Structures are given as C-alpha cells and as structure tokens.
C-alpha atoms as a PDB file:
ATOM      1  CA  MET A   1       0.208  -0.307  -0.014  1.00  0.00           C
ATOM      2  CA  LYS A   2       1.064   3.603  -0.062  1.00  0.00           C
ATOM      3  CA  ASN A   3       3.352   5.425   2.452  1.00  0.00           C
ATOM      4  CA  GLY A   4       4.785   2.054   3.451  1.00  0.00           C
ATOM      5  CA  LEU A   5       1.458   0.851   5.522  1.00  0.00           C
ATOM      6  CA  LYS A   6       0.632  -2.883   5.072  1.00  0.00           C
ATOM      7  CA  ARG A   7      -2.894  -4.319   5.301  1.00  0.00           C
ATOM      8  CA  ALA A   8      -3.803  -7.345   7.530  1.00  0.00           C
ATOM      9  CA  ASN A   9      -7.272  -8.840   6.734  1.00  0.00           C
ATOM     10  CA  MET A  10      -9.078 -10.424   9.927  1.00  0.00           C
ATOM     11  CA  PRO A  11     -10.825 -13.716   8.828  1.00  0.00           C
ATOM     12  CA  ASN A  12     -14.128 -14.373   9.822  1.00  0.00           C
ATOM     13  CA  PHE A  13     -14.340 -10.789  10.261  1.00  0.00           C
ATOM     14  CA  PRO A  14     -15.659  -7.672   7.848  1.00  0.00           C
ATOM     15  CA  TYR A  15     -12.227  -5.744   9.050  1.00  0.00           C
ATOM     16  CA  HIS A  16      -8.947  -5.129   8.498  1.00  0.00           C
ATOM     17  CA  LEU A  17      -5.598  -3.223   9.899  1.00  0.00           C
ATOM     18  CA  LEU A  18      -3.642  -0.823   8.532  1.00  0.00           C
ATOM     19  CA  PHE A  19      -0.172  -0.959  10.338  1.00  0.00           C
ATOM     20  CA  SER A  20       3.434   0.250   9.581  1.00  0.00           C
ATOM     21  CA  ILE A  21       6.807  -1.291  11.020  1.00  0.00           C
ATOM     22  CA  HIS A  22       8.919   0.805  12.808  1.00  0.00           C
ATOM     23  CA  GLY A  23      12.387  -0.910  13.864  1.00  0.00           C
ATOM     24  CA  GLN A  24      11.328  -3.907  15.842  1.00  0.00           C
ATOM     25  CA  GLY A  25       7.617  -2.268  16.755  1.00  0.00           C
ATOM     26  CA  VAL A  26       4.713  -2.239  14.912  1.00  0.00           C
ATOM     27  CA  ARG A  27       2.221   0.878  14.779  1.00  0.00           C
ATOM     28  CA  ILE A  28      -1.615   0.202  13.966  1.00  0.00           C
ATOM     29  CA  LEU A  29      -3.136   2.893  12.199  1.00  0.00           C
ATOM     30  CA  VAL A  30      -6.464   1.964  11.936  1.00  0.00           C
ATOM     31  CA  LEU A  31      -9.195  -1.096  11.941  1.00  0.00           C
ATOM     32  CA  ARG A  32     -11.529  -0.347   9.377  1.00  0.00           C
ATOM     33  CA  HIS A  33     -14.714  -2.033   7.763  1.00  0.00           C
ATOM     34  CA  HIS A  34     -13.979  -3.586   4.566  1.00  0.00           C
ATOM     35  CA  ARG A  35     -17.350  -1.374   3.258  1.00  0.00           C
ATOM     36  CA  ARG A  36     -15.713   1.876   4.618  1.00  0.00           C
ATOM     37  CA  HIS A  37     -14.925   4.515   2.119  1.00  0.00           C
ATOM     38  CA  PRO A  38     -11.357   3.297   0.866  1.00  0.00           C
ATOM     39  CA  ARG A  39      -9.375   6.503   1.848  1.00  0.00           C
ATOM     40  CA  TYR A  40     -10.458   6.052   5.343  1.00  0.00           C
ATOM     41  CA  GLY A  41      -7.716   6.482   7.796  1.00  0.00           C
ATOM     42  CA  MET A  42      -4.907   6.758   5.047  1.00  0.00           C
ATOM     43  CA  SER A  43      -4.064  10.295   5.966  1.00  0.00           C
ATOM     44  CA  ARG A  44      -2.812   9.177   9.610  1.00  0.00           C
ATOM     45  CA  LYS A  45       0.721   9.273  10.786  1.00  0.00           C
END
C-alpha cells in the first residue's frame, strides 16, 4: 500500500488493519470495515 502501510485482513470478520513497521515495533493506524470508504484512515501518520 501507499506510504509504507501494510494491510492485514481479519479472517471471519469484515475488518482489516492498516499498520506500519518501525524498527522492531508495529504501529497500528486504523481498524476499518471492508465497506468503508477506501481512503478512510490513509491520512494518519
């Protein structure tokens, strides 16, 4: 995805996580529903 973000789908649920990896840590930016507007949460840093 853009800006170094990665996406993780959640099996059996209509949600996915947008996250980024920083060193040895992970920053979760947004948990969003699959039917939400596709740009939702993309402006977060």
